[in-house]
Amino acid sequence: MDLLSDVIAAMRVGRPHYARCERHAPWAMSHPSFTGAGFHLVLEGRAWLTPSDGEPIELQAGDIAFLPHGNSHSVASDPVGPAAVLPSAPLVGLGRDGLTDDAAAEAGARTAMLCGAYLMDRARPHPLLAEMPECVHLPARPGRHAALRGTTELLATELAEPRLGSDALLPALLDALLLYVMRAWLDERPGDTTADGWSAALRDPAVHAALQAIHGAPDRPWTVRELGAAAGLSRAAFSRRFTASVGRPPLSYLTWWRMTLAARLLRDSDASLRSVATRAGYTSEFAFSAAFKREHGVSPGAYRRRSPSTDPRTGDPRTKPSRT
C-alpha cells in the first residue's frame, strides 16, 4: 500500500488550479490565505517570496516554493516589493500581466512563473502535512530530485506551447508535481528515526509496516497483537513505538483512518451507506453511524449533504444530493 498516495487522496478536493504569470520589474503580488496548499514555480528570471511570518526567500529559475498550509504570502521582484501591490492572478487557466510588447520592452527584468493551488479538506488534516513548515523551498540543484525537475520541465513546455491534449496533461502533471514535492521534502528530512512525527514513522521499518497493513486492509478487525506481528515486535513494544511516532495508539489511528476513508467515500462517491460502512470495517450501519458521528460531529447522511463532492466531468467540487 502506497502511504503517500493515501495521504494526498485523503485531503485533495477537485482538480488543481493554476495560472502562468509574467511580470516585469518592479512588481509584487499579494496572496491571501486559503483552504488548500499553494506553490510557485519560477520558469524564467527570479522572484522573492515573503511568508506571512518569515524572512524573504529568493527563488531562481527552476526553484519551487510549496506552501502546504495555504498561508498568506507575497511574491515580488525584490525582497521588499514596490508600494503598489498587484492583486493575485486568478488560479484558473493561463494568465499574463497584460503588458503590450512595447511596454514590456521598456519594463524591467522579466519573470515567468507558474502559480498553483491544490484544494484541501481541512476538516481532516493529515498529520504528515501538519508537520510541514509554512514554506518548503526546493532549489533547482543539479543532480537533485531528477523526477521533480523532469516534471517541471514538462510543465514549462506544455505551458509555453499548448498542443492537442494539453488540457488533460496539465492537471495530471500538476498532480505529479505535488507528489514529487512531497517526496523531495521527505528525502531531505533528517535521518533520525527516533524523532517524532509522521515523516519519522515512514522511515521506521516497523511502524511503516503496521501503517501499510492498516491502509492496505482498513476493513480488517485488527488487534494490537496482529499489528505488532506485522511490525515484527511484541505487542507492548509495538504499541509504545507506534504511539511515539504517529502520535496516537494503533487502534485509535485505525479508527481515525477508517473515518477519514469513510468521509472521502461519502464526499466523492455515490456509494450506499451500507457499502461505506463495510469498506470502513463495520458490519452494522448503526455502529458505523455512531462511530462516524463521534469523529465528525454529524451523521454520515448529514455529512454527505453538506460536503462538496467532485464532478466526474470536470474534477471540480460540486454539491450533490444525499443518498444513504
C-alpha atoms as a PDB file:
ATOM      1  CA  MET A   1       0.000   0.000   0.000  1.00  0.00           C
ATOM      2  CA  ASP A   2       1.324   3.418  -1.026  1.00  0.00           C
ATOM      3  CA  LEU A   3       1.001   5.529   2.109  1.00  0.00           C
ATOM      4  CA  LEU A   4       1.955   8.849   0.492  1.00  0.00           C
ATOM      5  CA  SER A   5      -0.735   8.449  -2.174  1.00  0.00           C
ATOM      6  CA  ASP A   6      -3.259   7.765   0.587  1.00  0.00           C
ATOM      7  CA  VAL A   7      -2.194  10.931   2.390  1.00  0.00           C
ATOM      8  CA  ILE A   8      -2.831  13.026  -0.720  1.00  0.00           C
ATOM      9  CA  ALA A   9      -6.070  11.278  -1.685  1.00  0.00           C
ATOM     10  CA  ALA A  10      -7.470  11.716   1.823  1.00  0.00           C
ATOM     11  CA  MET A  11      -7.224  15.513   1.664  1.00  0.00           C
ATOM     12  CA  ARG A  12      -7.468  16.523  -2.001  1.00  0.00           C
ATOM     13  CA  VAL A  13     -10.725  18.026  -3.316  1.00  0.00           C
ATOM     14  CA  GLY A  14     -11.237  18.623  -7.044  1.00  0.00           C
ATOM     15  CA  ARG A  15      -8.609  19.485  -9.621  1.00  0.00           C
ATOM     16  CA  PRO A  16      -5.575  21.738  -9.125  1.00  0.00           C
ATOM     17  CA  HIS A  17      -5.919  25.373 -10.148  1.00  0.00           C
ATOM     18  CA  TYR A  18      -3.097  27.168 -11.900  1.00  0.00           C
ATOM     19  CA  ALA A  19      -2.041  30.276 -13.780  1.00  0.00           C
ATOM     20  CA  ARG A  20       1.034  31.224 -15.798  1.00  0.00           C
ATOM     21  CA  CYS A  21       2.087  34.738 -14.823  1.00  0.00           C
ATOM     22  CA  GLU A  22       4.624  37.057 -16.470  1.00  0.00           C
ATOM     23  CA  ARG A  23       5.831  40.195 -14.715  1.00  0.00           C
ATOM     24  CA  HIS A  24       8.389  42.909 -15.458  1.00  0.00           C
ATOM     25  CA  ALA A  25      10.169  44.561 -12.537  1.00  0.00           C
ATOM     26  CA  PRO A  26       9.222  46.254 -10.373  1.00  0.00           C
ATOM     27  CA  TRP A  27       6.216  44.149  -9.371  1.00  0.00           C
ATOM     28  CA  ALA A  28       4.601  42.433  -6.363  1.00  0.00           C
ATOM     29  CA  MET A  29       1.645  40.137  -5.794  1.00  0.00           C
ATOM     30  CA  SER A  30      -0.201  39.579  -2.535  1.00  0.00           C
ATOM     31  CA  HIS A  31      -1.775  36.143  -1.922  1.00  0.00           C
ATOM     32  CA  PRO A  32      -4.332  35.854   0.908  1.00  0.00           C
ATOM     33  CA  SER A  33      -4.691  32.674   2.929  1.00  0.00           C
ATOM     34  CA  PHE A  34      -6.967  29.960   1.526  1.00  0.00           C
ATOM     35  CA  THR A  35      -8.138  26.416   2.239  1.00  0.00           C
ATOM     36  CA  GLY A  36      -5.528  24.418   0.411  1.00  0.00           C
ATOM     37  CA  ALA A  37      -1.871  24.157  -0.469  1.00  0.00           C
ATOM     38  CA  GLY A  38      -0.167  26.527  -2.911  1.00  0.00           C
ATOM     39  CA  PHE A  39       3.014  26.578  -4.929  1.00  0.00           C
ATOM     40  CA  HIS A  40       5.123  28.890  -7.089  1.00  0.00           C
ATOM     41  CA  LEU A  41       7.440  27.531  -9.765  1.00  0.00           C
ATOM     42  CA  VAL A  42       9.836  30.047 -11.337  1.00  0.00           C
ATOM     43  CA  LEU A  43      10.085  29.302 -15.066  1.00  0.00           C
ATOM     44  CA  GLU A  44      12.322  32.256 -16.021  1.00  0.00           C
ATOM     45  CA  GLY A  45      14.056  35.040 -14.099  1.00  0.00           C
ATOM     46  CA  ARG A  46      13.785  35.242 -10.327  1.00  0.00           C
ATOM     47  CA  ALA A  47      11.431  36.359  -7.551  1.00  0.00           C
ATOM     48  CA  TRP A  48      11.280  36.825  -3.796  1.00  0.00           C
ATOM     49  CA  LEU A  49       8.647  35.092  -1.678  1.00  0.00           C
ATOM     50  CA  THR A  50       7.863  36.510   1.760  1.00  0.00           C
ATOM     51  CA  PRO A  51       5.815  34.222   4.061  1.00  0.00           C
ATOM     52  CA  SER A  52       3.310  35.729   6.475  1.00  0.00           C
ATOM     53  CA  ASP A  53       5.719  35.011   9.329  1.00  0.00           C
ATOM     54  CA  GLY A  54       9.249  34.738   7.994  1.00  0.00           C
ATOM     55  CA  GLU A  55      12.117  36.228   6.051  1.00  0.00           C
ATOM     56  CA  PRO A  56      12.062  36.724   2.247  1.00  0.00           C
ATOM     57  CA  ILE A  57      13.170  33.688   0.214  1.00  0.00           C
ATOM     58  CA  GLU A  58      14.916  34.144  -3.127  1.00  0.00           C
ATOM     59  CA  LEU A  59      13.508  31.971  -5.907  1.00  0.00           C
ATOM     60  CA  GLN A  60      15.573  31.433  -9.039  1.00  0.00           C
ATOM     61  CA  ALA A  61      14.696  29.733 -12.326  1.00  0.00           C
ATOM     62  CA  GLY A  62      13.648  26.152 -11.622  1.00  0.00           C
ATOM     63  CA  ASP A  63      13.023  26.741  -7.909  1.00  0.00           C
ATOM     64  CA  ILE A  64       9.766  25.641  -6.295  1.00  0.00           C
ATOM     65  CA  ALA A  65       8.160  27.156  -3.206  1.00  0.00           C
ATOM     66  CA  PHE A  66       5.431  24.942  -1.723  1.00  0.00           C
ATOM     67  CA  LEU A  67       3.049  26.336   0.916  1.00  0.00           C
ATOM     68  CA  PRO A  68       1.288  23.312   2.444  1.00  0.00           C
ATOM     69  CA  HIS A  69      -0.976  25.281   4.795  1.00  0.00           C
ATOM     70  CA  GLY A  70      -2.207  27.907   2.340  1.00  0.00           C
ATOM     71  CA  ASN A  71      -0.932  30.781   4.493  1.00  0.00           C
ATOM     72  CA  SER A  72      -0.947  34.330   3.186  1.00  0.00           C
ATOM     73  CA  HIS A  73       2.259  35.483   1.499  1.00  0.00           C
ATOM     74  CA  SER A  74       3.611  37.841  -1.114  1.00  0.00           C
ATOM     75  CA  VAL A  75       5.776  37.331  -4.190  1.00  0.00           C
ATOM     76  CA  ALA A  76       7.761  40.232  -5.622  1.00  0.00           C
ATOM     77  CA  SER A  77      10.674  41.229  -7.838  1.00  0.00           C
ATOM     78  CA  ASP A  78      12.610  42.436  -4.778  1.00  0.00           C
ATOM     79  CA  PRO A  79      12.807  41.443  -1.102  1.00  0.00           C
ATOM     80  CA  VAL A  80      10.692  44.497  -0.330  1.00  0.00           C
ATOM     81  CA  GLY A  81       8.156  44.919  -3.130  1.00  0.00           C
ATOM     82  CA  PRO A  82       7.003  48.246  -4.575  1.00  0.00           C
ATOM     83  CA  ALA A  83       4.284  50.171  -2.818  1.00  0.00           C
ATOM     84  CA  ALA A  84       1.694  49.351  -5.486  1.00  0.00           C
ATOM     85  CA  VAL A  85       0.909  45.665  -4.902  1.00  0.00           C
ATOM     86  CA  LEU A  86      -0.847  43.938  -7.764  1.00  0.00           C
ATOM     87  CA  PRO A  87      -3.741  41.576  -6.971  1.00  0.00           C
ATOM     88  CA  SER A  88      -3.118  37.866  -7.351  1.00  0.00           C
ATOM     89  CA  ALA A  89      -3.836  36.343 -10.754  1.00  0.00           C
ATOM     90  CA  PRO A  90      -6.916  34.081 -10.661  1.00  0.00           C
ATOM     91  CA  LEU A  91      -5.734  30.485 -10.487  1.00  0.00           C
ATOM     92  CA  VAL A  92      -7.775  29.272 -13.456  1.00  0.00           C
ATOM     93  CA  GLY A  93      -6.333  28.689 -16.905  1.00  0.00           C
ATOM     94  CA  LEU A  94      -3.408  30.744 -18.116  1.00  0.00           C
ATOM     95  CA  GLY A  95      -2.871  34.429 -17.451  1.00  0.00           C
ATOM     96  CA  ARG A  96      -0.449  37.244 -18.354  1.00  0.00           C
ATOM     97  CA  ASP A  97       0.098  40.659 -16.898  1.00  0.00           C
ATOM     98  CA  GLY A  98      -1.418  42.424 -19.878  1.00  0.00           C
ATOM     99  CA  LEU A  99       1.678  44.382 -20.913  1.00  0.00           C
ATOM    100  CA  THR A 100       1.944  45.199 -24.596  1.00  0.00           C
ATOM    101  CA  ASP A 101       5.152  44.316 -26.434  1.00  0.00           C
ATOM    102  CA  ASP A 102       6.216  47.976 -26.426  1.00  0.00           C
ATOM    103  CA  ALA A 103       5.504  48.338 -22.715  1.00  0.00           C
ATOM    104  CA  ALA A 104       7.309  45.094 -21.938  1.00  0.00           C
ATOM    105  CA  ALA A 105      10.381  46.250 -23.856  1.00  0.00           C
ATOM    106  CA  GLU A 106      10.575  49.320 -21.635  1.00  0.00           C
ATOM    107  CA  ALA A 107       9.935  47.411 -18.429  1.00  0.00           C
ATOM    108  CA  GLY A 108      12.469  45.882 -16.097  1.00  0.00           C
ATOM    109  CA  ALA A 109      13.702  42.310 -15.746  1.00  0.00           C
ATOM    110  CA  ARG A 110      11.163  39.700 -16.762  1.00  0.00           C
ATOM    111  CA  THR A 111       9.969  36.853 -14.544  1.00  0.00           C
ATOM    112  CA  ALA A 112       7.715  33.996 -15.667  1.00  0.00           C
ATOM    113  CA  MET A 113       6.088  31.800 -13.035  1.00  0.00           C
ATOM    114  CA  LEU A 114       3.579  29.012 -12.693  1.00  0.00           C
ATOM    115  CA  CYS A 115       1.400  29.662  -9.650  1.00  0.00           C
ATOM    116  CA  GLY A 116      -0.999  26.977  -8.469  1.00  0.00           C
ATOM    117  CA  ALA A 117      -3.239  25.701  -5.720  1.00  0.00           C
ATOM    118  CA  TYR A 118      -4.455  22.310  -4.533  1.00  0.00           C
ATOM    119  CA  LEU A 119      -7.773  22.472  -2.702  1.00  0.00           C
ATOM    120  CA  MET A 120      -7.740  20.513   0.563  1.00  0.00           C
ATOM    121  CA  ASP A 121     -10.293  19.179   3.037  1.00  0.00           C
ATOM    122  CA  ARG A 122      -9.086  20.861   6.216  1.00  0.00           C
ATOM    123  CA  ALA A 123     -11.759  19.111   8.304  1.00  0.00           C
ATOM    124  CA  ARG A 124      -9.466  16.036   8.418  1.00  0.00           C
ATOM    125  CA  PRO A 125      -5.915  17.395   8.207  1.00  0.00           C
ATOM    126  CA  HIS A 126      -3.373  14.633   7.793  1.00  0.00           C
ATOM    127  CA  PRO A 127      -0.570  14.700  10.397  1.00  0.00           C
ATOM    128  CA  LEU A 128       2.099  14.489   7.677  1.00  0.00           C
ATOM    129  CA  LEU A 129       1.016  17.814   6.185  1.00  0.00           C
ATOM    130  CA  ALA A 130       0.509  19.283   9.649  1.00  0.00           C
ATOM    131  CA  GLU A 131       4.199  18.870  10.487  1.00  0.00           C
ATOM    132  CA  MET A 132       5.431  20.560   7.305  1.00  0.00           C
ATOM    133  CA  PRO A 133       6.774  24.123   7.627  1.00  0.00           C
ATOM    134  CA  GLU A 134       4.962  27.187   6.368  1.00  0.00           C
ATOM    135  CA  CYS A 135       7.054  27.201   3.185  1.00  0.00           C
ATOM    136  CA  VAL A 136       9.082  24.395   1.611  1.00  0.00           C
ATOM    137  CA  HIS A 137      11.769  25.810  -0.688  1.00  0.00           C
ATOM    138  CA  LEU A 138      13.216  23.321  -3.191  1.00  0.00           C
ATOM    139  CA  PRO A 139      16.072  24.967  -5.123  1.00  0.00           C
ATOM    140  CA  ALA A 140      16.897  23.728  -8.628  1.00  0.00           C
ATOM    141  CA  ARG A 141      20.130  21.955  -7.716  1.00  0.00           C
ATOM    142  CA  PRO A 142      21.864  19.871 -10.397  1.00  0.00           C
ATOM    143  CA  GLY A 143      21.597  16.160  -9.690  1.00  0.00           C
ATOM    144  CA  ARG A 144      18.884  16.524  -7.010  1.00  0.00           C
ATOM    145  CA  HIS A 145      15.322  15.285  -7.411  1.00  0.00           C
ATOM    146  CA  ALA A 146      15.608  14.377 -11.083  1.00  0.00           C
ATOM    147  CA  ALA A 147      11.944  13.293 -11.387  1.00  0.00           C
ATOM    148  CA  LEU A 148      10.743  16.584  -9.894  1.00  0.00           C
ATOM    149  CA  ARG A 149      12.932  18.545 -12.322  1.00  0.00           C
ATOM    150  CA  GLY A 150      11.660  16.468 -15.230  1.00  0.00           C
ATOM    151  CA  THR A 151       8.067  17.231 -14.254  1.00  0.00           C
ATOM    152  CA  THR A 152       8.736  20.968 -14.021  1.00  0.00           C
ATOM    153  CA  GLU A 153      10.345  20.905 -17.479  1.00  0.00           C
ATOM    154  CA  LEU A 154       7.315  19.117 -18.933  1.00  0.00           C
ATOM    155  CA  LEU A 155       5.024  21.678 -17.303  1.00  0.00           C
ATOM    156  CA  ALA A 156       7.068  24.553 -18.725  1.00  0.00           C
ATOM    157  CA  THR A 157       6.908  23.018 -22.205  1.00  0.00           C
ATOM    158  CA  GLU A 158       3.152  22.459 -22.118  1.00  0.00           C
ATOM    159  CA  LEU A 159       2.534  25.985 -20.824  1.00  0.00           C
ATOM    160  CA  ALA A 160       4.811  27.612 -23.399  1.00  0.00           C
ATOM    161  CA  GLU A 161       3.447  25.640 -26.361  1.00  0.00           C
ATOM    162  CA  PRO A 162      -0.019  24.224 -25.661  1.00  0.00           C
ATOM    163  CA  ARG A 163      -0.911  21.422 -28.078  1.00  0.00           C
ATOM    164  CA  LEU A 164      -3.603  18.803 -28.517  1.00  0.00           C
ATOM    165  CA  GLY A 165      -4.115  17.094 -25.176  1.00  0.00           C
ATOM    166  CA  SER A 166      -2.636  19.894 -23.048  1.00  0.00           C
ATOM    167  CA  ASP A 167      -5.896  20.335 -21.126  1.00  0.00           C
ATOM    168  CA  ALA A 168      -5.628  16.732 -19.947  1.00  0.00           C
ATOM    169  CA  LEU A 169      -1.866  16.720 -19.467  1.00  0.00           C
ATOM    170  CA  LEU A 170      -1.579  19.815 -17.285  1.00  0.00           C
ATOM    171  CA  PRO A 171      -3.779  18.595 -14.372  1.00  0.00           C
ATOM    172  CA  ALA A 172      -2.005  15.225 -14.471  1.00  0.00           C
ATOM    173  CA  LEU A 173       1.410  16.904 -14.378  1.00  0.00           C
ATOM    174  CA  LEU A 174       0.296  19.153 -11.524  1.00  0.00           C
ATOM    175  CA  ASP A 175      -0.833  16.091  -9.548  1.00  0.00           C
ATOM    176  CA  ALA A 176       2.566  14.520 -10.218  1.00  0.00           C
ATOM    177  CA  LEU A 177       4.263  17.749  -9.120  1.00  0.00           C
ATOM    178  CA  LEU A 178       2.526  17.593  -5.728  1.00  0.00           C
ATOM    179  CA  LEU A 179       3.697  14.019  -5.118  1.00  0.00           C
ATOM    180  CA  TYR A 180       7.264  14.771  -6.223  1.00  0.00           C
ATOM    181  CA  VAL A 181       7.382  17.828  -3.943  1.00  0.00           C
ATOM    182  CA  MET A 182       6.240  15.703  -1.012  1.00  0.00           C
ATOM    183  CA  ARG A 183       8.829  13.049  -1.877  1.00  0.00           C
ATOM    184  CA  ALA A 184      11.587  15.641  -2.118  1.00  0.00           C
ATOM    185  CA  TRP A 185      10.674  17.115   1.275  1.00  0.00           C
ATOM    186  CA  LEU A 186      10.678  13.648   2.862  1.00  0.00           C
ATOM    187  CA  ASP A 187      14.028  12.841   1.227  1.00  0.00           C
ATOM    188  CA  GLU A 188      15.570  15.997   2.688  1.00  0.00           C
ATOM    189  CA  ARG A 189      14.320  15.374   6.223  1.00  0.00           C
ATOM    190  CA  PRO A 190      16.955  14.472   8.834  1.00  0.00           C
ATOM    191  CA  GLY A 191      17.525  10.733   9.020  1.00  0.00           C
ATOM    192  CA  ASP A 192      16.947  10.471  12.783  1.00  0.00           C
ATOM    193  CA  THR A 193      14.418   7.642  13.158  1.00  0.00           C
ATOM    194  CA  THR A 194      13.983   8.467  16.862  1.00  0.00           C
ATOM    195  CA  ALA A 195      12.319  11.788  16.020  1.00  0.00           C
ATOM    196  CA  ASP A 196       8.574  12.123  16.490  1.00  0.00           C
ATOM    197  CA  GLY A 197       6.171  12.765  13.640  1.00  0.00           C
ATOM    198  CA  TRP A 198       4.679  11.022  10.655  1.00  0.00           C
ATOM    199  CA  SER A 199       7.730  11.584   8.480  1.00  0.00           C
ATOM    200  CA  ALA A 200       9.782   9.736  11.101  1.00  0.00           C
ATOM    201  CA  ALA A 201       7.158   6.980  11.186  1.00  0.00           C
ATOM    202  CA  LEU A 202       7.565   6.453   7.459  1.00  0.00           C
ATOM    203  CA  ARG A 203      11.313   5.946   7.982  1.00  0.00           C
ATOM    204  CA  ASP A 204      10.786   3.449  10.824  1.00  0.00           C
ATOM    205  CA  PRO A 205      10.504  -0.019   9.181  1.00  0.00           C
ATOM    206  CA  ALA A 206       8.354  -1.456  11.970  1.00  0.00           C
ATOM    207  CA  VAL A 207       5.859   1.409  12.164  1.00  0.00           C
ATOM    208  CA  HIS A 208       5.827   1.700   8.366  1.00  0.00           C
ATOM    209  CA  ALA A 209       4.892  -1.987   8.084  1.00  0.00           C
ATOM    210  CA  ALA A 210       1.999  -1.518  10.514  1.00  0.00           C
ATOM    211  CA  LEU A 211       0.750   1.566   8.659  1.00  0.00           C
ATOM    212  CA  GLN A 212       0.869  -0.355   5.395  1.00  0.00           C
ATOM    213  CA  ALA A 213      -1.179  -3.141   6.968  1.00  0.00           C
ATOM    214  CA  ILE A 214      -3.823  -0.687   8.204  1.00  0.00           C
ATOM    215  CA  HIS A 215      -4.042   1.212   4.930  1.00  0.00           C
ATOM    216  CA  GLY A 216      -3.995  -1.984   2.881  1.00  0.00           C
ATOM    217  CA  ALA A 217      -6.953  -3.516   4.737  1.00  0.00           C
ATOM    218  CA  PRO A 218      -8.770  -0.886   6.822  1.00  0.00           C
ATOM    219  CA  ASP A 219     -11.866  -3.130   6.978  1.00  0.00           C
ATOM    220  CA  ARG A 220      -9.998  -5.905   8.783  1.00  0.00           C
ATOM    221  CA  PRO A 221     -10.705  -6.261  12.541  1.00  0.00           C
ATOM    222  CA  TRP A 222      -7.110  -5.578  13.528  1.00  0.00           C
ATOM    223  CA  THR A 223      -5.807  -6.153  17.039  1.00  0.00           C
ATOM    224  CA  VAL A 224      -2.691  -4.574  18.509  1.00  0.00           C
ATOM    225  CA  ARG A 225      -1.106  -8.008  18.679  1.00  0.00           C
ATOM    226  CA  GLU A 226      -1.716  -8.612  14.932  1.00  0.00           C
ATOM    227  CA  LEU A 227      -0.328  -5.216  14.009  1.00  0.00           C
ATOM    228  CA  GLY A 228       2.662  -5.829  16.252  1.00  0.00           C
ATOM    229  CA  ALA A 229       3.266  -9.123  14.462  1.00  0.00           C
ATOM    230  CA  ALA A 230       3.163  -7.309  11.104  1.00  0.00           C
ATOM    231  CA  ALA A 231       5.760  -4.907  12.507  1.00  0.00           C
ATOM    232  CA  GLY A 232       7.891  -7.722  13.895  1.00  0.00           C
ATOM    233  CA  LEU A 233       7.581  -6.521  17.504  1.00  0.00           C
ATOM    234  CA  SER A 234       5.941  -7.644  20.695  1.00  0.00           C
ATOM    235  CA  ARG A 235       2.543  -6.163  21.483  1.00  0.00           C
ATOM    236  CA  ALA A 236       3.816  -3.798  24.187  1.00  0.00           C
ATOM    237  CA  ALA A 237       6.960  -2.701  22.315  1.00  0.00           C
ATOM    238  CA  PHE A 238       4.983  -2.090  19.143  1.00  0.00           C
ATOM    239  CA  SER A 239       2.283  -0.057  20.914  1.00  0.00           C
ATOM    240  CA  ARG A 240       4.877   2.215  22.542  1.00  0.00           C
ATOM    241  CA  ARG A 241       6.835   2.698  19.320  1.00  0.00           C
ATOM    242  CA  PHE A 242       3.781   3.335  17.150  1.00  0.00           C
ATOM    243  CA  THR A 243       2.248   5.818  19.599  1.00  0.00           C
ATOM    244  CA  ALA A 244       5.509   7.728  19.953  1.00  0.00           C
ATOM    245  CA  SER A 245       5.925   8.092  16.171  1.00  0.00           C
ATOM    246  CA  VAL A 246       2.360   8.545  14.938  1.00  0.00           C
ATOM    247  CA  GLY A 247       1.033  10.499  17.906  1.00  0.00           C
ATOM    248  CA  ARG A 248      -1.855   8.182  18.790  1.00  0.00           C
ATOM    249  CA  PRO A 249      -2.236   4.492  19.759  1.00  0.00           C
ATOM    250  CA  PRO A 250      -2.561   1.900  16.953  1.00  0.00           C
ATOM    251  CA  LEU A 251      -6.308   1.239  17.284  1.00  0.00           C
ATOM    252  CA  SER A 252      -7.034   4.940  17.693  1.00  0.00           C
ATOM    253  CA  TYR A 253      -5.177   5.588  14.437  1.00  0.00           C
ATOM    254  CA  LEU A 254      -7.081   2.715  12.787  1.00  0.00           C
ATOM    255  CA  THR A 255     -10.402   4.361  13.734  1.00  0.00           C
ATOM    256  CA  TRP A 256      -9.155   7.772  12.567  1.00  0.00           C
ATOM    257  CA  TRP A 257      -8.127   6.377   9.196  1.00  0.00           C
ATOM    258  CA  ARG A 258     -11.410   4.447   8.784  1.00  0.00           C
ATOM    259  CA  MET A 259     -13.402   7.618   9.429  1.00  0.00           C
ATOM    260  CA  THR A 260     -11.171   9.593   7.051  1.00  0.00           C
ATOM    261  CA  LEU A 261     -11.703   6.976   4.340  1.00  0.00           C
ATOM    262  CA  ALA A 262     -15.448   6.929   5.006  1.00  0.00           C
ATOM    263  CA  ALA A 263     -15.652  10.721   4.745  1.00  0.00           C
ATOM    264  CA  ARG A 264     -13.870  10.607   1.389  1.00  0.00           C
ATOM    265  CA  LEU A 265     -16.273   7.959   0.077  1.00  0.00           C
ATOM    266  CA  LEU A 266     -19.293   9.950   1.244  1.00  0.00           C
ATOM    267  CA  ARG A 267     -17.921  13.112  -0.329  1.00  0.00           C
ATOM    268  CA  ASP A 268     -16.653  11.766  -3.638  1.00  0.00           C
ATOM    269  CA  SER A 269     -18.855   8.778  -4.485  1.00  0.00           C
ATOM    270  CA  ASP A 270     -22.454   7.657  -4.629  1.00  0.00           C
ATOM    271  CA  ALA A 271     -21.736   4.511  -2.591  1.00  0.00           C
ATOM    272  CA  SER A 272     -24.573   3.494  -0.266  1.00  0.00           C
ATOM    273  CA  LEU A 273     -24.225   3.876   3.475  1.00  0.00           C
ATOM    274  CA  ARG A 274     -24.032   0.091   3.814  1.00  0.00           C
ATOM    275  CA  SER A 275     -21.173  -0.056   1.311  1.00  0.00           C
ATOM    276  CA  VAL A 276     -19.262   2.757   3.040  1.00  0.00           C
ATOM    277  CA  ALA A 277     -19.746   1.095   6.420  1.00  0.00           C
ATOM    278  CA  THR A 278     -18.432  -2.223   5.098  1.00  0.00           C
ATOM    279  CA  ARG A 279     -15.365  -0.663   3.498  1.00  0.00           C
ATOM    280  CA  ALA A 280     -14.654   1.130   6.778  1.00  0.00           C
ATOM    281  CA  GLY A 281     -14.701  -2.180   8.673  1.00  0.00           C
ATOM    282  CA  TYR A 282     -18.205  -2.106  10.188  1.00  0.00           C
ATOM    283  CA  THR A 283     -20.779  -4.883   9.787  1.00  0.00           C
ATOM    284  CA  SER A 284     -23.528  -2.722  11.284  1.00  0.00           C
ATOM    285  CA  GLU A 285     -24.710   0.535   9.741  1.00  0.00           C
ATOM    286  CA  PHE A 286     -25.834   1.667  13.197  1.00  0.00           C
ATOM    287  CA  ALA A 287     -22.375   1.078  14.728  1.00  0.00           C
ATOM    288  CA  PHE A 288     -20.737   2.842  11.775  1.00  0.00           C
ATOM    289  CA  SER A 289     -23.085   5.846  12.031  1.00  0.00           C
ATOM    290  CA  ALA A 290     -22.405   6.153  15.764  1.00  0.00           C
ATOM    291  CA  ALA A 291     -18.630   5.983  15.249  1.00  0.00           C
ATOM    292  CA  PHE A 292     -18.786   8.462  12.372  1.00  0.00           C
ATOM    293  CA  LYS A 293     -20.802  10.948  14.414  1.00  0.00           C
ATOM    294  CA  ARG A 294     -18.310  10.710  17.291  1.00  0.00           C
ATOM    295  CA  GLU A 295     -15.469  11.605  14.898  1.00  0.00           C
ATOM    296  CA  HIS A 296     -17.166  14.201  12.675  1.00  0.00           C
ATOM    297  CA  GLY A 297     -19.927  15.574  14.883  1.00  0.00           C
ATOM    298  CA  VAL A 298     -22.653  14.801  12.324  1.00  0.00           C
ATOM    299  CA  SER A 299     -24.271  11.685  10.892  1.00  0.00           C
ATOM    300  CA  PRO A 300     -22.949  10.201   7.606  1.00  0.00           C
ATOM    301  CA  GLY A 301     -26.057  11.406   5.763  1.00  0.00           C
ATOM    302  CA  ALA A 302     -25.704  14.965   7.049  1.00  0.00           C
ATOM    303  CA  TYR A 303     -22.014  14.947   6.191  1.00  0.00           C
ATOM    304  CA  ARG A 304     -22.766  13.870   2.628  1.00  0.00           C
ATOM    305  CA  ARG A 305     -25.435  16.517   2.189  1.00  0.00           C
ATOM    306  CA  ARG A 306     -23.236  19.380   3.342  1.00  0.00           C
ATOM    307  CA  SER A 307     -19.933  18.305   1.739  1.00  0.00           C
ATOM    308  CA  PRO A 308     -18.769  19.319  -1.744  1.00  0.00           C
ATOM    309  CA  SER A 309     -18.034  16.376  -3.995  1.00  0.00           C
ATOM    310  CA  THR A 310     -16.175  16.032  -7.280  1.00  0.00           C
ATOM    311  CA  ASP A 311     -17.899  16.451 -10.601  1.00  0.00           C
ATOM    312  CA  PRO A 312     -16.665  13.495 -12.720  1.00  0.00           C
ATOM    313  CA  ARG A 313     -16.829  15.606 -15.890  1.00  0.00           C
ATOM    314  CA  THR A 314     -14.578  18.402 -14.667  1.00  0.00           C
ATOM    315  CA  GLY A 315     -12.986  17.217 -11.435  1.00  0.00           C
ATOM    316  CA  ASP A 316     -14.232  20.376  -9.722  1.00  0.00           C
ATOM    317  CA  PRO A 317     -16.082  20.464  -6.380  1.00  0.00           C
ATOM    318  CA  ARG A 318     -19.858  20.367  -6.519  1.00  0.00           C
ATOM    319  CA  THR A 319     -22.782  19.677  -4.185  1.00  0.00           C
ATOM    320  CA  LYS A 320     -24.829  16.582  -4.840  1.00  0.00           C
ATOM    321  CA  PRO A 321     -27.988  15.176  -3.344  1.00  0.00           C
ATOM    322  CA  SER A 322     -27.895  12.767  -0.449  1.00  0.00           C
ATOM    323  CA  ARG A 323     -28.002   9.028  -0.939  1.00  0.00           C
ATOM    324  CA  THR A 324     -27.961   6.950   2.218  1.00  0.00           C
END
